[in-house]
Amino acid sequence: MAVTLLVCSTCRAGEAVEEGCALAGERLAQAIEAAGAPEGVSLRRVECLSACSQGCAVALTAPGRWSYVYGRMTEADAPDILAGAAAYAAAPDGLVPWRDRPTVFRKQSLARLPPSGDPS
């Protein structure tokens, strides 16, 4: 199954918007894109993940798996985000063991959503 890494590219992360400068979320998306997504993971920019008070947000989702939303991300977190995406892609149900998650995923998780259509 294909894993999607969603990045809120319109996030301002509390920064003032400067003419001609990329928003914080777009800079994060560019850093992730430049580092290269792991096999089986595709990057998708989205306009808003509604986590505005939590800085730059990313989410991991795939059909039949738990989905996660993480906040307070910066460009410096791109390597850890990609490592977490790789671990998520390797987990058939999306549940990555706590010790196998990058620290930013352990400490900056905003939400975990059950697989679509799962009654549990």
PDB file of N, CA and C in Angstrom:
ATOM      1  N   MET A   1       0.831  -1.190   0.000  1.00  0.00           N
ATOM      2  CA  MET A   1       0.000   0.000   0.000  1.00  0.00           C
ATOM      3  C   MET A   1       0.871   1.247   0.000  1.00  0.00           C
ATOM      4  N   ALA A   2       0.440   2.228  -0.721  1.00  0.00           N
ATOM      5  CA  ALA A   2       1.192   3.480  -0.796  1.00  0.00           C
ATOM      6  C   ALA A   2       0.926   4.342   0.440  1.00  0.00           C
ATOM      7  N   VAL A   3       2.001   4.860   0.993  1.00  0.00           N
ATOM      8  CA  VAL A   3       1.936   5.751   2.147  1.00  0.00           C
ATOM      9  C   VAL A   3       2.037   7.181   1.640  1.00  0.00           C
ATOM     10  N   THR A   4       1.218   8.052   2.208  1.00  0.00           N
ATOM     11  CA  THR A   4       1.269   9.463   1.842  1.00  0.00           C
ATOM     12  C   THR A   4       1.735  10.280   3.039  1.00  0.00           C
ATOM     13  N   LEU A   5       2.743  11.109   2.799  1.00  0.00           N
ATOM     14  CA  LEU A   5       3.224  12.070   3.782  1.00  0.00           C
ATOM     15  C   LEU A   5       2.649  13.417   3.382  1.00  0.00           C
ATOM     16  N   LEU A   6       1.717  13.893   4.180  1.00  0.00           N
ATOM     17  CA  LEU A   6       1.069  15.177   3.919  1.00  0.00           C
ATOM     18  C   LEU A   6       1.837  16.271   4.647  1.00  0.00           C
ATOM     19  N   VAL A   7       2.099  17.368   3.967  1.00  0.00           N
ATOM     20  CA  VAL A   7       2.796  18.508   4.576  1.00  0.00           C
ATOM     21  C   VAL A   7       1.946  19.747   4.366  1.00  0.00           C
ATOM     22  N   CYS A   8       1.636  20.427   5.456  1.00  0.00           N
ATOM     23  CA  CYS A   8       0.864  21.669   5.374  1.00  0.00           C
ATOM     24  C   CYS A   8       1.796  22.758   4.837  1.00  0.00           C
ATOM     25  N   SER A   9       1.741  22.966   3.539  1.00  0.00           N
ATOM     26  CA  SER A   9       2.683  23.893   2.899  1.00  0.00           C
ATOM     27  C   SER A   9       2.292  25.357   3.067  1.00  0.00           C
ATOM     28  N   THR A  10       1.095  25.619   3.566  1.00  0.00           N
ATOM     29  CA  THR A  10       0.668  27.009   3.770  1.00  0.00           C
ATOM     30  C   THR A  10       0.857  27.469   5.212  1.00  0.00           C
ATOM     31  N   CYS A  11       1.446  26.628   6.041  1.00  0.00           N
ATOM     32  CA  CYS A  11       1.643  26.979   7.445  1.00  0.00           C
ATOM     33  C   CYS A  11       2.604  28.164   7.564  1.00  0.00           C
ATOM     34  N   ARG A  12       2.241  29.067   8.419  1.00  0.00           N
ATOM     35  CA  ARG A  12       3.106  30.230   8.680  1.00  0.00           C
ATOM     36  C   ARG A  12       3.914  30.050   9.956  1.00  0.00           C
ATOM     37  N   ALA A  13       3.504  29.105  10.793  1.00  0.00           N
ATOM     38  CA  ALA A  13       4.190  28.812  12.059  1.00  0.00           C
ATOM     39  C   ALA A  13       4.435  30.069  12.885  1.00  0.00           C
ATOM     40  N   GLY A  14       3.498  30.986  12.847  1.00  0.00           N
ATOM     41  CA  GLY A  14       3.595  32.208  13.631  1.00  0.00           C
ATOM     42  C   GLY A  14       4.531  33.257  13.061  1.00  0.00           C
ATOM     43  N   GLU A  15       5.110  32.997  11.911  1.00  0.00           N
ATOM     44  CA  GLU A  15       6.035  33.957  11.299  1.00  0.00           C
ATOM     45  C   GLU A  15       5.277  35.023  10.522  1.00  0.00           C
ATOM     46  N   ALA A  16       5.843  36.200  10.466  1.00  0.00           N
ATOM     47  CA  ALA A  16       5.298  37.246   9.608  1.00  0.00           C
ATOM     48  C   ALA A  16       5.557  36.853   8.156  1.00  0.00           C
ATOM     49  N   VAL A  17       4.595  37.132   7.312  1.00  0.00           N
ATOM     50  CA  VAL A  17       4.743  36.789   5.894  1.00  0.00           C
ATOM     51  C   VAL A  17       5.540  37.896   5.210  1.00  0.00           C
ATOM     52  N   GLU A  18       6.650  37.502   4.598  1.00  0.00           N
ATOM     53  CA  GLU A  18       7.491  38.461   3.885  1.00  0.00           C
ATOM     54  C   GLU A  18       7.344  38.255   2.397  1.00  0.00           C
ATOM     55  N   GLU A  19       7.199  39.326   1.676  1.00  0.00           N
ATOM     56  CA  GLU A  19       7.059  39.284   0.221  1.00  0.00           C
ATOM     57  C   GLU A  19       8.218  38.508  -0.407  1.00  0.00           C
ATOM     58  N   GLY A  20       7.889  37.541  -1.233  1.00  0.00           N
ATOM     59  CA  GLY A  20       8.900  36.777  -1.958  1.00  0.00           C
ATOM     60  C   GLY A  20       9.568  35.665  -1.165  1.00  0.00           C
ATOM     61  N   CYS A  21       9.198  35.495   0.098  1.00  0.00           N
ATOM     62  CA  CYS A  21       9.801  34.438   0.918  1.00  0.00           C
ATOM     63  C   CYS A  21       8.813  33.287   1.073  1.00  0.00           C
ATOM     64  N   ALA A  22       9.323  32.080   1.050  1.00  0.00           N
ATOM     65  CA  ALA A  22       8.479  30.898   1.220  1.00  0.00           C
ATOM     66  C   ALA A  22       7.973  30.822   2.658  1.00  0.00           C
ATOM     67  N   LEU A  23       6.745  30.373   2.806  1.00  0.00           N
ATOM     68  CA  LEU A  23       6.177  30.163   4.129  1.00  0.00           C
ATOM     69  C   LEU A  23       6.904  29.019   4.823  1.00  0.00           C
ATOM     70  N   ALA A  24       6.822  28.984   6.142  1.00  0.00           N
ATOM     71  CA  ALA A  24       7.513  27.946   6.912  1.00  0.00           C
ATOM     72  C   ALA A  24       7.112  26.546   6.451  1.00  0.00           C
ATOM     73  N   GLY A  25       5.836  26.321   6.194  1.00  0.00           N
ATOM     74  CA  GLY A  25       5.374  25.015   5.742  1.00  0.00           C
ATOM     75  C   GLY A  25       5.928  24.633   4.380  1.00  0.00           C
ATOM     76  N   GLU A  26       6.020  25.608   3.493  1.00  0.00           N
ATOM     77  CA  GLU A  26       6.590  25.332   2.170  1.00  0.00           C
ATOM     78  C   GLU A  26       8.079  25.033   2.280  1.00  0.00           C
ATOM     79  N   ARG A  27       8.776  25.735   3.170  1.00  0.00           N
ATOM     80  CA  ARG A  27      10.195  25.445   3.386  1.00  0.00           C
ATOM     81  C   ARG A  27      10.376  24.024   3.917  1.00  0.00           C
ATOM     82  N   LEU A  28       9.470  23.599   4.808  1.00  0.00           N
ATOM     83  CA  LEU A  28       9.526  22.229   5.314  1.00  0.00           C
ATOM     84  C   LEU A  28       9.291  21.236   4.180  1.00  0.00           C
ATOM     85  N   ALA A  29       8.298  21.490   3.350  1.00  0.00           N
ATOM     86  CA  ALA A  29       8.015  20.604   2.212  1.00  0.00           C
ATOM     87  C   ALA A  29       9.214  20.533   1.277  1.00  0.00           C
ATOM     88  N   GLN A  30       9.856  21.663   1.026  1.00  0.00           N
ATOM     89  CA  GLN A  30      11.030  21.689   0.152  1.00  0.00           C
ATOM     90  C   GLN A  30      12.184  20.886   0.756  1.00  0.00           C
ATOM     91  N   ALA A  31      12.380  20.990   2.073  1.00  0.00           N
ATOM     92  CA  ALA A  31      13.460  20.246   2.733  1.00  0.00           C
ATOM     93  C   ALA A  31      13.205  18.746   2.655  1.00  0.00           C
ATOM     94  N   ILE A  32      11.965  18.349   2.838  1.00  0.00           N
ATOM     95  CA  ILE A  32      11.615  16.927   2.740  1.00  0.00           C
ATOM     96  C   ILE A  32      11.808  16.448   1.311  1.00  0.00           C
ATOM     97  N   GLU A  33      11.345  17.238   0.366  1.00  0.00           N
ATOM     98  CA  GLU A  33      11.476  16.887  -1.051  1.00  0.00           C
ATOM     99  C   GLU A  33      12.945  16.768  -1.455  1.00  0.00           C
ATOM    100  N   ALA A  34      13.771  17.698  -0.981  1.00  0.00           N
ATOM    101  CA  ALA A  34      15.192  17.690  -1.327  1.00  0.00           C
ATOM    102  C   ALA A  34      15.900  16.458  -0.759  1.00  0.00           C
ATOM    103  N   ALA A  35      15.467  16.014   0.414  1.00  0.00           N
ATOM    104  CA  ALA A  35      16.088  14.845   1.039  1.00  0.00           C
ATOM    105  C   ALA A  35      15.640  13.552   0.363  1.00  0.00           C
ATOM    106  N   GLY A  36      14.479  13.566  -0.245  1.00  0.00           N
ATOM    107  CA  GLY A  36      13.979  12.395  -0.957  1.00  0.00           C
ATOM    108  C   GLY A  36      13.172  11.468  -0.076  1.00  0.00           C
ATOM    109  N   ALA A  37      11.957  11.222  -0.468  1.00  0.00           N
ATOM    110  CA  ALA A  37      11.072  10.346   0.295  1.00  0.00           C
ATOM    111  C   ALA A  37      11.524   8.897   0.197  1.00  0.00           C
ATOM    112  N   PRO A  38      11.347   8.129   1.271  1.00  0.00           N
ATOM    113  CA  PRO A  38      11.701   6.705   1.225  1.00  0.00           C
ATOM    114  C   PRO A  38      10.819   5.947   0.241  1.00  0.00           C
ATOM    115  N   GLU A  39      11.266   4.771  -0.154  1.00  0.00           N
ATOM    116  CA  GLU A  39      10.492   3.946  -1.072  1.00  0.00           C
ATOM    117  C   GLU A  39       9.110   3.665  -0.479  1.00  0.00           C
ATOM    118  N   GLY A  40       8.090   3.802  -1.321  1.00  0.00           N
ATOM    119  CA  GLY A  40       6.720   3.542  -0.892  1.00  0.00           C
ATOM    120  C   GLY A  40       6.039   4.719  -0.242  1.00  0.00           C
ATOM    121  N   VAL A  41       6.729   5.854  -0.150  1.00  0.00           N
ATOM    122  CA  VAL A  41       6.170   7.054   0.480  1.00  0.00           C
ATOM    123  C   VAL A  41       6.122   8.167  -0.548  1.00  0.00           C
ATOM    124  N   SER A  42       4.966   8.802  -0.676  1.00  0.00           N
ATOM    125  CA  SER A  42       4.865   9.953  -1.574  1.00  0.00           C
ATOM    126  C   SER A  42       4.551  11.200  -0.762  1.00  0.00           C
ATOM    127  N   LEU A  43       5.162  12.289  -1.157  1.00  0.00           N
ATOM    128  CA  LEU A  43       4.955  13.585  -0.517  1.00  0.00           C
ATOM    129  C   LEU A  43       3.798  14.287  -1.195  1.00  0.00           C
ATOM    130  N   ARG A  44       2.911  14.845  -0.391  1.00  0.00           N
ATOM    131  CA  ARG A  44       1.797  15.617  -0.930  1.00  0.00           C
ATOM    132  C   ARG A  44       1.631  16.897  -0.121  1.00  0.00           C
ATOM    133  N   ARG A  45       1.736  18.024  -0.795  1.00  0.00           N
ATOM    134  CA  ARG A  45       1.492  19.309  -0.141  1.00  0.00           C
ATOM    135  C   ARG A  45      -0.015  19.508  -0.020  1.00  0.00           C
ATOM    136  N   VAL A  46      -0.451  19.989   1.128  1.00  0.00           N
ATOM    137  CA  VAL A  46      -1.856  20.319   1.341  1.00  0.00           C
ATOM    138  C   VAL A  46      -1.936  21.744   1.861  1.00  0.00           C
ATOM    139  N   GLU A  47      -3.083  22.363   1.651  1.00  0.00           N
ATOM    140  CA  GLU A  47      -3.208  23.765   2.033  1.00  0.00           C
ATOM    141  C   GLU A  47      -3.389  23.974   3.527  1.00  0.00           C
ATOM    142  N   CYS A  48      -3.980  23.019   4.229  1.00  0.00           N
ATOM    143  CA  CYS A  48      -4.143  23.205   5.664  1.00  0.00           C
ATOM    144  C   CYS A  48      -4.462  21.881   6.330  1.00  0.00           C
ATOM    145  N   LEU A  49      -3.804  21.624   7.443  1.00  0.00           N
ATOM    146  CA  LEU A  49      -4.109  20.454   8.258  1.00  0.00           C
ATOM    147  C   LEU A  49      -4.838  20.871   9.546  1.00  0.00           C
ATOM    148  N   SER A  50      -5.207  22.138   9.640  1.00  0.00           N
ATOM    149  CA  SER A  50      -5.942  22.675  10.795  1.00  0.00           C
ATOM    150  C   SER A  50      -5.228  22.431  12.121  1.00  0.00           C
ATOM    151  N   ALA A  51      -3.941  22.553  12.125  1.00  0.00           N
ATOM    152  CA  ALA A  51      -3.157  22.450  13.354  1.00  0.00           C
ATOM    153  C   ALA A  51      -2.393  23.760  13.557  1.00  0.00           C
ATOM    154  N   CYS A  52      -3.023  24.852  13.190  1.00  0.00           N
ATOM    155  CA  CYS A  52      -2.369  26.159  13.104  1.00  0.00           C
ATOM    156  C   CYS A  52      -1.672  26.600  14.385  1.00  0.00           C
ATOM    157  N   SER A  53      -2.211  26.253  15.535  1.00  0.00           N
ATOM    158  CA  SER A  53      -1.580  26.672  16.788  1.00  0.00           C
ATOM    159  C   SER A  53      -0.397  25.779  17.151  1.00  0.00           C
ATOM    160  N   GLN A  54      -0.124  24.764  16.332  1.00  0.00           N
ATOM    161  CA  GLN A  54       0.938  23.812  16.619  1.00  0.00           C
ATOM    162  C   GLN A  54       2.114  23.918  15.653  1.00  0.00           C
ATOM    163  N   GLY A  55       2.255  25.038  14.975  1.00  0.00           N
ATOM    164  CA  GLY A  55       3.367  25.198  14.040  1.00  0.00           C
ATOM    165  C   GLY A  55       3.186  24.325  12.823  1.00  0.00           C
ATOM    166  N   CYS A  56       4.256  24.077  12.102  1.00  0.00           N
ATOM    167  CA  CYS A  56       4.170  23.273  10.879  1.00  0.00           C
ATOM    168  C   CYS A  56       3.727  21.858  11.216  1.00  0.00           C
ATOM    169  N   ALA A  57       2.768  21.366  10.440  1.00  0.00           N
ATOM    170  CA  ALA A  57       2.215  20.037  10.688  1.00  0.00           C
ATOM    171  C   ALA A  57       2.441  19.133   9.488  1.00  0.00           C
ATOM    172  N   VAL A  58       2.617  17.860   9.797  1.00  0.00           N
ATOM    173  CA  VAL A  58       2.701  16.808   8.782  1.00  0.00           C
ATOM    174  C   VAL A  58       1.787  15.679   9.237  1.00  0.00           C
ATOM    175  N   ALA A  59       1.402  14.847   8.303  1.00  0.00           N
ATOM    176  CA  ALA A  59       0.582  13.687   8.636  1.00  0.00           C
ATOM    177  C   ALA A  59       1.037  12.507   7.797  1.00  0.00           C
ATOM    178  N   LEU A  60       0.874  11.325   8.338  1.00  0.00           N
ATOM    179  CA  LEU A  60       1.156  10.083   7.625  1.00  0.00           C
ATOM    180  C   LEU A  60      -0.135   9.291   7.544  1.00  0.00           C
ATOM    181  N   THR A  61      -0.447   8.803   6.351  1.00  0.00           N
ATOM    182  CA  THR A  61      -1.671   8.047   6.163  1.00  0.00           C
ATOM    183  C   THR A  61      -1.492   7.031   5.048  1.00  0.00           C
ATOM    184  N   ALA A  62      -2.278   5.973   5.133  1.00  0.00           N
ATOM    185  CA  ALA A  62      -2.311   4.937   4.096  1.00  0.00           C
ATOM    186  C   ALA A  62      -3.601   4.149   4.289  1.00  0.00           C
ATOM    187  N   PRO A  63      -4.168   3.630   3.216  1.00  0.00           N
ATOM    188  CA  PRO A  63      -5.391   2.843   3.332  1.00  0.00           C
ATOM    189  C   PRO A  63      -5.197   1.657   4.286  1.00  0.00           C
ATOM    190  N   GLY A  64      -6.164   1.467   5.180  1.00  0.00           N
ATOM    191  CA  GLY A  64      -6.127   0.344   6.101  1.00  0.00           C
ATOM    192  C   GLY A  64      -5.171   0.482   7.268  1.00  0.00           C
ATOM    193  N   ARG A  65      -4.556   1.646   7.426  1.00  0.00           N
ATOM    194  CA  ARG A  65      -3.600   1.867   8.518  1.00  0.00           C
ATOM    195  C   ARG A  65      -4.054   3.009   9.412  1.00  0.00           C
ATOM    196  N   TRP A  66      -3.542   3.006  10.627  1.00  0.00           N
ATOM    197  CA  TRP A  66      -3.714   4.155  11.496  1.00  0.00           C
ATOM    198  C   TRP A  66      -3.029   5.352  10.840  1.00  0.00           C
ATOM    199  N   SER A  67      -3.560   6.541  11.054  1.00  0.00           N
ATOM    200  CA  SER A  67      -2.965   7.776  10.535  1.00  0.00           C
ATOM    201  C   SER A  67      -2.496   8.621  11.714  1.00  0.00           C
ATOM    202  N   TYR A  68      -1.468   9.415  11.479  1.00  0.00           N
ATOM    203  CA  TYR A  68      -0.898  10.264  12.527  1.00  0.00           C
ATOM    204  C   TYR A  68      -0.740  11.692  12.032  1.00  0.00           C
ATOM    205  N   VAL A  69      -0.897  12.645  12.961  1.00  0.00           N
ATOM    206  CA  VAL A  69      -0.638  14.052  12.689  1.00  0.00           C
ATOM    207  C   VAL A  69       0.408  14.510  13.701  1.00  0.00           C
ATOM    208  N   TYR A  70       1.440  15.179  13.203  1.00  0.00           N
ATOM    209  CA  TYR A  70       2.520  15.681  14.051  1.00  0.00           C
ATOM    210  C   TYR A  70       2.655  17.189  13.840  1.00  0.00           C
ATOM    211  N   GLY A  71       3.005  17.903  14.914  1.00  0.00           N
ATOM    212  CA  GLY A  71       3.131  19.357  14.824  1.00  0.00           C
ATOM    213  C   GLY A  71       4.468  19.855  15.327  1.00  0.00           C
ATOM    214  N   ARG A  72       4.630  21.167  15.242  1.00  0.00           N
ATOM    215  CA  ARG A  72       5.843  21.868  15.675  1.00  0.00           C
ATOM    216  C   ARG A  72       7.074  21.382  14.923  1.00  0.00           C
ATOM    217  N   MET A  73       6.902  21.117  13.633  1.00  0.00           N
ATOM    218  CA  MET A  73       7.993  20.646  12.788  1.00  0.00           C
ATOM    219  C   MET A  73       8.686  21.825  12.104  1.00  0.00           C
ATOM    220  N   THR A  74       9.965  21.636  11.829  1.00  0.00           N
ATOM    221  CA  THR A  74      10.742  22.640  11.094  1.00  0.00           C
ATOM    222  C   THR A  74      11.550  21.932  10.009  1.00  0.00           C
ATOM    223  N   GLU A  75      12.201  22.713   9.189  1.00  0.00           N
ATOM    224  CA  GLU A  75      13.055  22.148   8.133  1.00  0.00           C
ATOM    225  C   GLU A  75      14.129  21.225   8.719  1.00  0.00           C
ATOM    226  N   ALA A  76      14.621  21.559   9.895  1.00  0.00           N
ATOM    227  CA  ALA A  76      15.658  20.739  10.535  1.00  0.00           C
ATOM    228  C   ALA A  76      15.153  19.337  10.870  1.00  0.00           C
ATOM    229  N   ASP A  77      13.835  19.171  10.961  1.00  0.00           N
ATOM    230  CA  ASP A  77      13.247  17.867  11.287  1.00  0.00           C
ATOM    231  C   ASP A  77      13.065  16.971  10.067  1.00  0.00           C
ATOM    232  N   ALA A  78      13.375  17.454   8.878  1.00  0.00           N
ATOM    233  CA  ALA A  78      13.133  16.676   7.657  1.00  0.00           C
ATOM    234  C   ALA A  78      13.740  15.272   7.710  1.00  0.00           C
ATOM    235  N   PRO A  79      14.994  15.098   8.146  1.00  0.00           N
ATOM    236  CA  PRO A  79      15.537  13.734   8.199  1.00  0.00           C
ATOM    237  C   PRO A  79      14.758  12.817   9.140  1.00  0.00           C
ATOM    238  N   ASP A  80      14.346  13.337  10.296  1.00  0.00           N
ATOM    239  CA  ASP A  80      13.574  12.533  11.247  1.00  0.00           C
ATOM    240  C   ASP A  80      12.170  12.243  10.716  1.00  0.00           C
ATOM    241  N   ILE A  81      11.586  13.200  10.042  1.00  0.00           N
ATOM    242  CA  ILE A  81      10.265  12.986   9.443  1.00  0.00           C
ATOM    243  C   ILE A  81      10.348  11.860   8.418  1.00  0.00           C
ATOM    244  N   LEU A  82      11.385  11.872   7.611  1.00  0.00           N
ATOM    245  CA  LEU A  82      11.550  10.827   6.597  1.00  0.00           C
ATOM    246  C   LEU A  82      11.865   9.474   7.223  1.00  0.00           C
ATOM    247  N   ALA A  83      12.640   9.462   8.294  1.00  0.00           N
ATOM    248  CA  ALA A  83      12.903   8.199   9.000  1.00  0.00           C
ATOM    249  C   ALA A  83      11.601   7.658   9.591  1.00  0.00           C
ATOM    250  N   GLY A  84      10.780   8.548  10.146  1.00  0.00           N
ATOM    251  CA  GLY A  84       9.489   8.123  10.682  1.00  0.00           C
ATOM    252  C   GLY A  84       8.558   7.631   9.594  1.00  0.00           C
ATOM    253  N   ALA A  85       8.605   8.272   8.438  1.00  0.00           N
ATOM    254  CA  ALA A  85       7.771   7.847   7.307  1.00  0.00           C
ATOM    255  C   ALA A  85       8.196   6.456   6.829  1.00  0.00           C
ATOM    256  N   ALA A  86       9.491   6.191   6.822  1.00  0.00           N
ATOM    257  CA  ALA A  86       9.986   4.874   6.420  1.00  0.00           C
ATOM    258  C   ALA A  86       9.525   3.802   7.406  1.00  0.00           C
ATOM    259  N   ALA A  87       9.592   4.107   8.701  1.00  0.00           N
ATOM    260  CA  ALA A  87       9.141   3.150   9.718  1.00  0.00           C
ATOM    261  C   ALA A  87       7.636   2.910   9.587  1.00  0.00           C
ATOM    262  N   TYR A  88       6.897   3.968   9.330  1.00  0.00           N
ATOM    263  CA  TYR A  88       5.447   3.851   9.140  1.00  0.00           C
ATOM    264  C   TYR A  88       5.148   2.986   7.906  1.00  0.00           C
ATOM    265  N   ALA A  89       5.875   3.205   6.837  1.00  0.00           N
ATOM    266  CA  ALA A  89       5.667   2.428   5.606  1.00  0.00           C
ATOM    267  C   ALA A  89       5.938   0.943   5.837  1.00  0.00           C
ATOM    268  N   ALA A  90       6.852   0.637   6.748  1.00  0.00           N
ATOM    269  CA  ALA A  90       7.203  -0.755   7.032  1.00  0.00           C
ATOM    270  C   ALA A  90       6.228  -1.429   7.991  1.00  0.00           C
ATOM    271  N   ALA A  91       5.373  -0.653   8.647  1.00  0.00           N
ATOM    272  CA  ALA A  91       4.415  -1.207   9.611  1.00  0.00           C
ATOM    273  C   ALA A  91       3.086  -1.480   8.913  1.00  0.00           C
ATOM    274  N   PRO A  92       2.703  -2.735   8.765  1.00  0.00           N
ATOM    275  CA  PRO A  92       1.490  -3.072   8.002  1.00  0.00           C
ATOM    276  C   PRO A  92       0.218  -2.375   8.479  1.00  0.00           C
ATOM    277  N   ASP A  93       0.144  -2.090   9.785  1.00  0.00           N
ATOM    278  CA  ASP A  93      -1.051  -1.439  10.319  1.00  0.00           C
ATOM    279  C   ASP A  93      -0.824   0.034  10.653  1.00  0.00           C
ATOM    280  N   GLY A  94       0.386   0.523  10.423  1.00  0.00           N
ATOM    281  CA  GLY A  94       0.724   1.909  10.723  1.00  0.00           C
ATOM    282  C   GLY A  94       1.159   2.139  12.155  1.00  0.00           C
ATOM    283  N   LEU A  95       1.120   1.099  12.974  1.00  0.00           N
ATOM    284  CA  LEU A  95       1.513   1.228  14.379  1.00  0.00           C
ATOM    285  C   LEU A  95       2.999   0.908  14.527  1.00  0.00           C
ATOM    286  N   VAL A  96       3.790   1.956  14.602  1.00  0.00           N
ATOM    287  CA  VAL A  96       5.239   1.816  14.759  1.00  0.00           C
ATOM    288  C   VAL A  96       5.531   1.738  16.255  1.00  0.00           C
ATOM    289  N   PRO A  97       6.281   0.731  16.710  1.00  0.00           N
ATOM    290  CA  PRO A  97       6.616   0.654  18.131  1.00  0.00           C
ATOM    291  C   PRO A  97       7.256   1.955  18.623  1.00  0.00           C
ATOM    292  N   TRP A  98       6.922   2.338  19.838  1.00  0.00           N
ATOM    293  CA  TRP A  98       7.377   3.596  20.432  1.00  0.00           C
ATOM    294  C   TRP A  98       8.881   3.785  20.271  1.00  0.00           C
ATOM    295  N   ARG A  99       9.668   2.776  20.599  1.00  0.00           N
ATOM    296  CA  ARG A  99      11.134   2.895  20.563  1.00  0.00           C
ATOM    297  C   ARG A  99      11.680   3.054  19.147  1.00  0.00           C
ATOM    298  N   ASP A 100      10.887   2.690  18.143  1.00  0.00           N
ATOM    299  CA  ASP A 100      11.321   2.790  16.748  1.00  0.00           C
ATOM    300  C   ASP A 100      10.934   4.111  16.090  1.00  0.00           C
ATOM    301  N   ARG A 101      10.238   4.951  16.824  1.00  0.00           N
ATOM    302  CA  ARG A 101       9.824   6.254  16.287  1.00  0.00           C
ATOM    303  C   ARG A 101      10.908   7.297  16.548  1.00  0.00           C
ATOM    304  N   PRO A 102      11.126   8.203  15.594  1.00  0.00           N
ATOM    305  CA  PRO A 102      12.053   9.315  15.866  1.00  0.00           C
ATOM    306  C   PRO A 102      11.530  10.133  17.052  1.00  0.00           C
ATOM    307  N   THR A 103      12.428  10.749  17.768  1.00  0.00           N
ATOM    308  CA  THR A 103      12.052  11.531  18.949  1.00  0.00           C
ATOM    309  C   THR A 103      10.996  12.581  18.632  1.00  0.00           C
ATOM    310  N   VAL A 104      11.103  13.258  17.491  1.00  0.00           N
ATOM    311  CA  VAL A 104      10.102  14.287  17.167  1.00  0.00           C
ATOM    312  C   VAL A 104       8.710  13.667  17.027  1.00  0.00           C
ATOM    313  N   PHE A 105       8.624  12.419  16.584  1.00  0.00           N
ATOM    314  CA  PHE A 105       7.322  11.762  16.484  1.00  0.00           C
ATOM    315  C   PHE A 105       6.825  11.336  17.861  1.00  0.00           C
ATOM    316  N   ARG A 106       7.718  10.985  18.752  1.00  0.00           N
ATOM    317  CA  ARG A 106       7.306  10.610  20.115  1.00  0.00           C
ATOM    318  C   ARG A 106       6.770  11.807  20.878  1.00  0.00           C
ATOM    319  N   LYS A 107       7.424  12.961  20.706  1.00  0.00           N
ATOM    320  CA  LYS A 107       7.107  14.128  21.521  1.00  0.00           C
ATOM    321  C   LYS A 107       6.140  15.111  20.875  1.00  0.00           C
ATOM    322  N   GLN A 108       5.943  15.016  19.559  1.00  0.00           N
ATOM    323  CA  GLN A 108       5.156  16.046  18.887  1.00  0.00           C
ATOM    324  C   GLN A 108       3.944  15.490  18.147  1.00  0.00           C
ATOM    325  N   SER A 109       3.446  14.361  18.638  1.00  0.00           N
ATOM    326  CA  SER A 109       2.246  13.769  18.052  1.00  0.00           C
ATOM    327  C   SER A 109       1.028  14.582  18.485  1.00  0.00           C
ATOM    328  N   LEU A 110       0.202  14.939  17.519  1.00  0.00           N
ATOM    329  CA  LEU A 110      -1.015  15.697  17.811  1.00  0.00           C
ATOM    330  C   LEU A 110      -2.257  14.814  17.789  1.00  0.00           C
ATOM    331  N   ALA A 111      -2.262  13.808  16.918  1.00  0.00           N
ATOM    332  CA  ALA A 111      -3.439  12.951  16.801  1.00  0.00           C
ATOM    333  C   ALA A 111      -3.081  11.625  16.165  1.00  0.00           C
ATOM    334  N   ARG A 112      -3.859  10.618  16.533  1.00  0.00           N
ATOM    335  CA  ARG A 112      -3.774   9.302  15.910  1.00  0.00           C
ATOM    336  C   ARG A 112      -5.195   8.927  15.545  1.00  0.00           C
ATOM    337  N   LEU A 113      -5.397   8.568  14.291  1.00  0.00           N
ATOM    338  CA  LEU A 113      -6.738   8.260  13.786  1.00  0.00           C
ATOM    339  C   LEU A 113      -6.805   6.811  13.327  1.00  0.00           C
ATOM    340  N   PRO A 114      -7.894   6.105  13.670  1.00  0.00           N
ATOM    341  CA  PRO A 114      -8.000   4.707  13.260  1.00  0.00           C
ATOM    342  C   PRO A 114      -8.187   4.584  11.750  1.00  0.00           C
ATOM    343  N   PRO A 115      -7.909   3.392  11.233  1.00  0.00           N
ATOM    344  CA  PRO A 115      -8.131   3.179   9.801  1.00  0.00           C
ATOM    345  C   PRO A 115      -9.577   3.479   9.427  1.00  0.00           C
ATOM    346  N   SER A 116      -9.769   4.047   8.275  1.00  0.00           N
ATOM    347  CA  SER A 116     -11.114   4.363   7.795  1.00  0.00           C
ATOM    348  C   SER A 116     -11.955   3.101   7.731  1.00  0.00           C
ATOM    349  N   GLY A 117     -13.168   3.179   8.254  1.00  0.00           N
ATOM    350  CA  GLY A 117     -14.077   2.042   8.223  1.00  0.00           C
ATOM    351  C   GLY A 117     -13.851   1.050   9.340  1.00  0.00           C
ATOM    352  N   ASP A 118     -12.846   1.279  10.211  1.00  0.00           N
ATOM    353  CA  ASP A 118     -12.557   0.377  11.316  1.00  0.00           C
ATOM    354  C   ASP A 118     -13.439   0.746  12.508  1.00  0.00           C
ATOM    355  N   PRO A 119     -14.314  -0.163  12.958  1.00  0.00           N
ATOM    356  CA  PRO A 119     -15.226   0.171  14.047  1.00  0.00           C
ATOM    357  C   PRO A 119     -14.567   0.221  15.418  1.00  0.00           C
ATOM    358  N   SER A 120     -13.295  -0.233  15.562  1.00  0.00           N
ATOM    359  CA  SER A 120     -12.672  -0.256  16.879  1.00  0.00           C
ATOM    360  C   SER A 120     -12.014   1.047  17.247  1.00  0.00           C
TER     361      SER A 120
END
